[in-house]
PDB file of N, CA and C in Angstrom:
ATOM      1  N   MET A   1      21.246  81.169 110.739  1.00  0.00           N
ATOM      2  CA  MET A   1      22.263  81.115 109.690  1.00  0.00           C
ATOM      3  C   MET A   1      22.194  82.411 108.879  1.00  0.00           C
ATOM      4  N   PRO A   2      23.322  83.077 108.679  1.00  0.00           N
ATOM      5  CA  PRO A   2      23.317  84.344 107.947  1.00  0.00           C
ATOM      6  C   PRO A   2      22.901  84.159 106.484  1.00  0.00           C
ATOM      7  N   ARG A   3      22.215  85.153 105.991  1.00  0.00           N
ATOM      8  CA  ARG A   3      21.811  85.189 104.593  1.00  0.00           C
ATOM      9  C   ARG A   3      23.001  85.593 103.733  1.00  0.00           C
ATOM     10  N   ARG A   4      23.206  84.926 102.605  1.00  0.00           N
ATOM     11  CA  ARG A   4      24.272  85.306 101.672  1.00  0.00           C
ATOM     12  C   ARG A   4      23.650  86.056 100.513  1.00  0.00           C
ATOM     13  N   LEU A   5      24.138  87.249 100.281  1.00  0.00           N
ATOM     14  CA  LEU A   5      23.632  88.092  99.208  1.00  0.00           C
ATOM     15  C   LEU A   5      24.752  88.338  98.205  1.00  0.00           C
ATOM     16  N   SER A   6      24.378  88.555  96.968  1.00  0.00           N
ATOM     17  CA  SER A   6      25.353  88.799  95.908  1.00  0.00           C
ATOM     18  C   SER A   6      24.967  90.074  95.164  1.00  0.00           C
ATOM     19  N   TYR A   7      25.941  90.956  94.965  1.00  0.00           N
ATOM     20  CA  TYR A   7      25.704  92.217  94.261  1.00  0.00           C
ATOM     21  C   TYR A   7      26.731  92.402  93.155  1.00  0.00           C
ATOM     22  N   LYS A   8      26.266  92.891  92.023  1.00  0.00           N
ATOM     23  CA  LYS A   8      27.182  93.261  90.938  1.00  0.00           C
ATOM     24  C   LYS A   8      27.846  94.574  91.328  1.00  0.00           C
ATOM     25  N   VAL A   9      29.145  94.667  91.063  1.00  0.00           N
ATOM     26  CA  VAL A   9      29.892  95.892  91.327  1.00  0.00           C
ATOM     27  C   VAL A   9      30.559  96.339  90.024  1.00  0.00           C
ATOM     28  N   VAL A  10      30.832  97.627  89.942  1.00  0.00           N
ATOM     29  CA  VAL A  10      31.516  98.191  88.782  1.00  0.00           C
ATOM     30  C   VAL A  10      32.855  98.744  89.254  1.00  0.00           C
ATOM     31  N   LEU A  11      33.921  98.226  88.671  1.00  0.00           N
ATOM     32  CA  LEU A  11      35.270  98.703  88.987  1.00  0.00           C
ATOM     33  C   LEU A  11      35.785  99.524  87.815  1.00  0.00           C
ATOM     34  N   GLU A  12      36.325 100.681  88.131  1.00  0.00           N
ATOM     35  CA  GLU A  12      36.885 101.555  87.096  1.00  0.00           C
ATOM     36  C   GLU A  12      38.312 101.924  87.485  1.00  0.00           C
ATOM     37  N   PRO A  13      39.255 101.766  86.547  1.00  0.00           N
ATOM     38  CA  PRO A  13      40.625 102.182  86.852  1.00  0.00           C
ATOM     39  C   PRO A  13      40.671 103.691  87.102  1.00  0.00           C
ATOM     40  N   SER A  14      41.430 104.098  88.118  1.00  0.00           N
ATOM     41  CA  SER A  14      41.605 105.518  88.422  1.00  0.00           C
ATOM     42  C   SER A  14      42.791 106.066  87.641  1.00  0.00           C
ATOM     43  N   LYS A  15      42.735 107.330  87.291  1.00  0.00           N
ATOM     44  CA  LYS A  15      43.828 107.947  86.543  1.00  0.00           C
ATOM     45  C   LYS A  15      45.146 107.889  87.300  1.00  0.00           C
ATOM     46  N   ASP A  16      45.079 107.989  88.621  1.00  0.00           N
ATOM     47  CA  ASP A  16      46.282 108.000  89.452  1.00  0.00           C
ATOM     48  C   ASP A  16      46.678 106.608  89.941  1.00  0.00           C
ATOM     49  N   GLY A  17      46.055 105.579  89.381  1.00  0.00           N
ATOM     50  CA  GLY A  17      46.325 104.210  89.810  1.00  0.00           C
ATOM     51  C   GLY A  17      45.235 103.702  90.733  1.00  0.00           C
ATOM     52  N   GLY A  18      45.147 102.420  90.857  1.00  0.00           N
ATOM     53  CA  GLY A  18      44.116 101.819  91.692  1.00  0.00           C
ATOM     54  C   GLY A  18      42.768 101.788  90.989  1.00  0.00           C
ATOM     55  N   TYR A  19      41.737 101.539  91.756  1.00  0.00           N
ATOM     56  CA  TYR A  19      40.388 101.399  91.216  1.00  0.00           C
ATOM     57  C   TYR A  19      39.378 102.076  92.119  1.00  0.00           C
ATOM     58  N   SER A  20      38.364 102.658  91.498  1.00  0.00           N
ATOM     59  CA  SER A  20      37.177 103.064  92.237  1.00  0.00           C
ATOM     60  C   SER A  20      36.103 102.032  91.905  1.00  0.00           C
ATOM     61  N   VAL A  21      35.197 101.816  92.852  1.00  0.00           N
ATOM     62  CA  VAL A  21      34.203 100.758  92.695  1.00  0.00           C
ATOM     63  C   VAL A  21      32.897 101.206  93.329  1.00  0.00           C
ATOM     64  N   TYR A  22      31.787 100.850  92.682  1.00  0.00           N
ATOM     65  CA  TYR A  22      30.475 101.183  93.230  1.00  0.00           C
ATOM     66  C   TYR A  22      29.489 100.058  92.957  1.00  0.00           C
ATOM     67  N   VAL A  23      28.369 100.122  93.673  1.00  0.00           N
ATOM     68  CA  VAL A  23      27.325  99.097  93.589  1.00  0.00           C
ATOM     69  C   VAL A  23      26.066  99.762  93.051  1.00  0.00           C
ATOM     70  N   PRO A  24      25.721  99.553  91.780  1.00  0.00           N
ATOM     71  CA  PRO A  24      24.550 100.229  91.205  1.00  0.00           C
ATOM     72  C   PRO A  24      23.246  99.960  91.965  1.00  0.00           C
ATOM     73  N   SER A  25      23.094  98.801  92.566  1.00  0.00           N
ATOM     74  CA  SER A  25      21.853  98.451  93.261  1.00  0.00           C
ATOM     75  C   SER A  25      21.750  99.066  94.659  1.00  0.00           C
ATOM     76  N   LEU A  26      22.869  99.615  95.164  1.00  0.00           N
ATOM     77  CA  LEU A  26      22.885 100.207  96.505  1.00  0.00           C
ATOM     78  C   LEU A  26      23.347 101.661  96.389  1.00  0.00           C
ATOM     79  N   PRO A  27      22.422 102.588  96.210  1.00  0.00           N
ATOM     80  CA  PRO A  27      22.794 103.996  95.990  1.00  0.00           C
ATOM     81  C   PRO A  27      23.747 104.525  97.063  1.00  0.00           C
ATOM     82  N   GLY A  28      24.834 105.138  96.598  1.00  0.00           N
ATOM     83  CA  GLY A  28      25.809 105.726  97.500  1.00  0.00           C
ATOM     84  C   GLY A  28      26.844 104.761  98.038  1.00  0.00           C
ATOM     85  N   CYS A  29      26.764 103.503  97.678  1.00  0.00           N
ATOM     86  CA  CYS A  29      27.725 102.511  98.159  1.00  0.00           C
ATOM     87  C   CYS A  29      28.924 102.504  97.216  1.00  0.00           C
ATOM     88  N   VAL A  30      29.986 103.182  97.637  1.00  0.00           N
ATOM     89  CA  VAL A  30      31.188 103.339  96.817  1.00  0.00           C
ATOM     90  C   VAL A  30      32.434 103.084  97.661  1.00  0.00           C
ATOM     91  N   SER A  31      33.525 102.758  97.002  1.00  0.00           N
ATOM     92  CA  SER A  31      34.806 102.580  97.673  1.00  0.00           C
ATOM     93  C   SER A  31      35.912 102.676  96.638  1.00  0.00           C
ATOM     94  N   GLU A  32      37.125 102.369  97.058  1.00  0.00           N
ATOM     95  CA  GLU A  32      38.275 102.379  96.162  1.00  0.00           C
ATOM     96  C   GLU A  32      39.354 101.491  96.743  1.00  0.00           C
ATOM     97  N   GLY A  33      40.390 101.254  95.966  1.00  0.00           N
ATOM     98  CA  GLY A  33      41.524 100.464  96.441  1.00  0.00           C
ATOM     99  C   GLY A  33      42.710 100.668  95.538  1.00  0.00           C
ATOM    100  N   ASP A  34      43.898 100.439  96.088  1.00  0.00           N
ATOM    101  CA  ASP A  34      45.122 100.592  95.307  1.00  0.00           C
ATOM    102  C   ASP A  34      45.299  99.479  94.288  1.00  0.00           C
ATOM    103  N   SER A  35      44.650  98.337  94.524  1.00  0.00           N
ATOM    104  CA  SER A  35      44.704  97.225  93.576  1.00  0.00           C
ATOM    105  C   SER A  35      43.283  96.729  93.334  1.00  0.00           C
ATOM    106  N   TYR A  36      43.130  95.903  92.323  1.00  0.00           N
ATOM    107  CA  TYR A  36      41.823  95.313  91.994  1.00  0.00           C
ATOM    108  C   TYR A  36      41.282  94.556  93.207  1.00  0.00           C
ATOM    109  N   GLN A  37      42.122  93.716  93.812  1.00  0.00           N
ATOM    110  CA  GLN A  37      41.687  92.910  94.954  1.00  0.00           C
ATOM    111  C   GLN A  37      41.350  93.780  96.157  1.00  0.00           C
ATOM    112  N   GLU A  38      42.162  94.805  96.410  1.00  0.00           N
ATOM    113  CA  GLU A  38      41.878  95.700  97.534  1.00  0.00           C
ATOM    114  C   GLU A  38      40.553  96.427  97.326  1.00  0.00           C
ATOM    115  N   ALA A  39      40.284  96.834  96.095  1.00  0.00           N
ATOM    116  CA  ALA A  39      39.007  97.496  95.803  1.00  0.00           C
ATOM    117  C   ALA A  39      37.837  96.551  96.061  1.00  0.00           C
ATOM    118  N   LEU A  40      37.986  95.275  95.672  1.00  0.00           N
ATOM    119  CA  LEU A  40      36.923  94.290  95.944  1.00  0.00           C
ATOM    120  C   LEU A  40      36.748  94.063  97.437  1.00  0.00           C
ATOM    121  N   ASP A  41      37.845  93.952  98.166  1.00  0.00           N
ATOM    122  CA  ASP A  41      37.756  93.762  99.617  1.00  0.00           C
ATOM    123  C   ASP A  41      37.073  94.966 100.273  1.00  0.00           C
ATOM    124  N   ASN A  42      37.438  96.160  99.827  1.00  0.00           N
ATOM    125  CA  ASN A  42      36.870  97.378 100.407  1.00  0.00           C
ATOM    126  C   ASN A  42      35.384  97.530 100.098  1.00  0.00           C
ATOM    127  N   ILE A  43      34.973  97.187  98.878  1.00  0.00           N
ATOM    128  CA  ILE A  43      33.555  97.325  98.547  1.00  0.00           C
ATOM    129  C   ILE A  43      32.740  96.266  99.275  1.00  0.00           C
ATOM    130  N   ARG A  44      33.319  95.111  99.505  1.00  0.00           N
ATOM    131  CA  ARG A  44      32.621  94.076 100.287  1.00  0.00           C
ATOM    132  C   ARG A  44      32.302  94.619 101.689  1.00  0.00           C
ATOM    133  N   GLU A  45      33.273  95.290 102.290  1.00  0.00           N
ATOM    134  CA  GLU A  45      33.071  95.891 103.609  1.00  0.00           C
ATOM    135  C   GLU A  45      32.029  97.016 103.530  1.00  0.00           C
ATOM    136  N   ALA A  46      32.080  97.826 102.473  1.00  0.00           N
ATOM    137  CA  ALA A  46      31.112  98.912 102.306  1.00  0.00           C
ATOM    138  C   ALA A  46      29.692  98.361 102.119  1.00  0.00           C
ATOM    139  N   ILE A  47      29.561  97.276 101.361  1.00  0.00           N
ATOM    140  CA  ILE A  47      28.246  96.650 101.161  1.00  0.00           C
ATOM    141  C   ILE A  47      27.703  96.161 102.500  1.00  0.00           C
ATOM    142  N   ARG A  48      28.532  95.494 103.260  1.00  0.00           N
ATOM    143  CA  ARG A  48      28.110  94.989 104.566  1.00  0.00           C
ATOM    144  C   ARG A  48      27.613  96.148 105.440  1.00  0.00           C
ATOM    145  N   GLY A  49      28.357  97.236 105.469  1.00  0.00           N
ATOM    146  CA  GLY A  49      27.955  98.409 106.251  1.00  0.00           C
ATOM    147  C   GLY A  49      26.657  99.015 105.745  1.00  0.00           C
ATOM    148  N   TRP A  50      26.512  99.120 104.424  1.00  0.00           N
ATOM    149  CA  TRP A  50      25.299  99.677 103.820  1.00  0.00           C
ATOM    150  C   TRP A  50      24.095  98.848 104.249  1.00  0.00           C
ATOM    151  N   LEU A  51      24.232  97.523 104.166  1.00  0.00           N
ATOM    152  CA  LEU A  51      23.124  96.627 104.507  1.00  0.00           C
ATOM    153  C   LEU A  51      22.808  96.659 106.002  1.00  0.00           C
ATOM    154  N   GLU A  52      23.826  96.746 106.855  1.00  0.00           N
ATOM    155  CA  GLU A  52      23.595  96.821 108.293  1.00  0.00           C
ATOM    156  C   GLU A  52      22.814  98.072 108.663  1.00  0.00           C
ATOM    157  N   VAL A  53      23.158  99.204 108.059  1.00  0.00           N
ATOM    158  CA  VAL A  53      22.431 100.447 108.324  1.00  0.00           C
ATOM    159  C   VAL A  53      20.991 100.329 107.834  1.00  0.00           C
ATOM    160  N   ALA A  54      20.802  99.755 106.648  1.00  0.00           N
ATOM    161  CA  ALA A  54      19.441  99.568 106.128  1.00  0.00           C
ATOM    162  C   ALA A  54      18.615  98.723 107.097  1.00  0.00           C
ATOM    163  N   GLN A  55      19.205  97.658 107.633  1.00  0.00           N
ATOM    164  CA  GLN A  55      18.494  96.800 108.592  1.00  0.00           C
ATOM    165  C   GLN A  55      18.151  97.561 109.864  1.00  0.00           C
ATOM    166  N   GLU A  56      19.095  98.354 110.368  1.00  0.00           N
ATOM    167  CA  GLU A  56      18.855  99.133 111.582  1.00  0.00           C
ATOM    168  C   GLU A  56      17.654 100.057 111.430  1.00  0.00           C
ATOM    169  N   PHE A  57      17.489 100.623 110.243  1.00  0.00           N
ATOM    170  CA  PHE A  57      16.391 101.555 109.997  1.00  0.00           C
ATOM    171  C   PHE A  57      15.129 100.861 109.480  1.00  0.00           C
ATOM    172  N   GLY A  58      15.178  99.546 109.360  1.00  0.00           N
ATOM    173  CA  GLY A  58      14.017  98.802 108.904  1.00  0.00           C
ATOM    174  C   GLY A  58      13.736  98.936 107.417  1.00  0.00           C
ATOM    175  N   ASP A  59      14.740  99.363 106.660  1.00  0.00           N
ATOM    176  CA  ASP A  59      14.580  99.508 105.208  1.00  0.00           C
ATOM    177  C   ASP A  59      14.641  98.143 104.530  1.00  0.00           C
ATOM    178  N   ASP A  60      14.021  98.060 103.364  1.00  0.00           N
ATOM    179  CA  ASP A  60      14.102  96.838 102.569  1.00  0.00           C
ATOM    180  C   ASP A  60      15.537  96.634 102.098  1.00  0.00           C
ATOM    181  N   ILE A  61      15.947  95.380 102.016  1.00  0.00           N
ATOM    182  CA  ILE A  61      17.270  95.032 101.488  1.00  0.00           C
ATOM    183  C   ILE A  61      17.102  94.795  99.990  1.00  0.00           C
ATOM    184  N   PRO A  62      17.688  95.675  99.156  1.00  0.00           N
ATOM    185  CA  PRO A  62      17.535  95.508  97.713  1.00  0.00           C
ATOM    186  C   PRO A  62      18.250  94.261  97.201  1.00  0.00           C
ATOM    187  N   THR A  63      17.737  93.732  96.117  1.00  0.00           N
ATOM    188  CA  THR A  63      18.436  92.662  95.419  1.00  0.00           C
ATOM    189  C   THR A  63      19.278  93.298  94.319  1.00  0.00           C
ATOM    190  N   SER A  64      20.221  92.544  93.811  1.00  0.00           N
ATOM    191  CA  SER A  64      21.033  93.050  92.713  1.00  0.00           C
ATOM    192  C   SER A  64      20.234  92.911  91.434  1.00  0.00           C
ATOM    193  N   ASP A  65      19.793  94.035  90.891  1.00  0.00           N
ATOM    194  CA  ASP A  65      18.944  94.011  89.703  1.00  0.00           C
ATOM    195  C   ASP A  65      19.670  94.533  88.471  1.00  0.00           C
ATOM    196  N   VAL A  66      20.990  94.507  88.518  1.00  0.00           N
ATOM    197  CA  VAL A  66      21.799  95.038  87.426  1.00  0.00           C
ATOM    198  C   VAL A  66      22.102  93.933  86.425  1.00  0.00           C
ATOM    199  N   LEU A  67      21.910  94.238  85.166  1.00  0.00           N
ATOM    200  CA  LEU A  67      22.276  93.314  84.091  1.00  0.00           C
ATOM    201  C   LEU A  67      23.546  93.832  83.433  1.00  0.00           C
ATOM    202  N   THR A  68      24.452  92.936  83.111  1.00  0.00           N
ATOM    203  CA  THR A  68      25.680  93.357  82.441  1.00  0.00           C
ATOM    204  C   THR A  68      25.821  92.577  81.137  1.00  0.00           C
ATOM    205  N   GLU A  69      26.390  93.243  80.172  1.00  0.00           N
ATOM    206  CA  GLU A  69      26.618  92.628  78.870  1.00  0.00           C
ATOM    207  C   GLU A  69      27.746  93.367  78.177  1.00  0.00           C
ATOM    208  N   ALA A  70      28.649  92.675  77.572  1.00  0.00           N
ATOM    209  CA  ALA A  70      29.695  93.297  76.770  1.00  0.00           C
ATOM    210  C   ALA A  70      29.154  93.508  75.363  1.00  0.00           C
ATOM    211  N   VAL A  71      29.377  94.681  74.820  1.00  0.00           N
ATOM    212  CA  VAL A  71      28.892  95.017  73.480  1.00  0.00           C
ATOM    213  C   VAL A  71      30.087  95.369  72.617  1.00  0.00           C
ATOM    214  N   GLU A  72      30.232  94.690  71.504  1.00  0.00           N
ATOM    215  CA  GLU A  72      31.337  94.963  70.580  1.00  0.00           C
ATOM    216  C   GLU A  72      30.868  95.915  69.481  1.00  0.00           C
ATOM    217  N   VAL A  73      31.753  96.819  69.109  1.00  0.00           N
ATOM    218  CA  VAL A  73      31.486  97.733  67.992  1.00  0.00           C
ATOM    219  C   VAL A  73      32.722  97.787  67.117  1.00  0.00           C
ATOM    220  N   SER A  74      32.532  98.157  65.872  1.00  0.00           N
ATOM    221  CA  SER A  74      33.662  98.306  64.950  1.00  0.00           C
ATOM    222  C   SER A  74      33.783  99.765  64.574  1.00  0.00           C
ATOM    223  N   LEU A  75      35.003 100.209  64.401  1.00  0.00           N
ATOM    224  CA  LEU A  75      35.260 101.586  63.947  1.00  0.00           C
ATOM    225  C   LEU A  75      35.887 101.560  62.582  1.00  0.00           C
TER     226      LEU A  75
END
């Protein structure tokens, strides 16, 4: 049975439209998409590829160790 892994991703709106997205726990794992959903679909594929290459080389599979929190400030 395949292992299910979960990773936090960061999506940032691009100036020209769409989104760029990266995975802080997986160095170099980045993608983009014309829409929010497309960016998520693309990064899911990039994560799968990143993990497959890591397995091929016998590297450890990192866990998602990123903490997120919204911080409010007043001006």
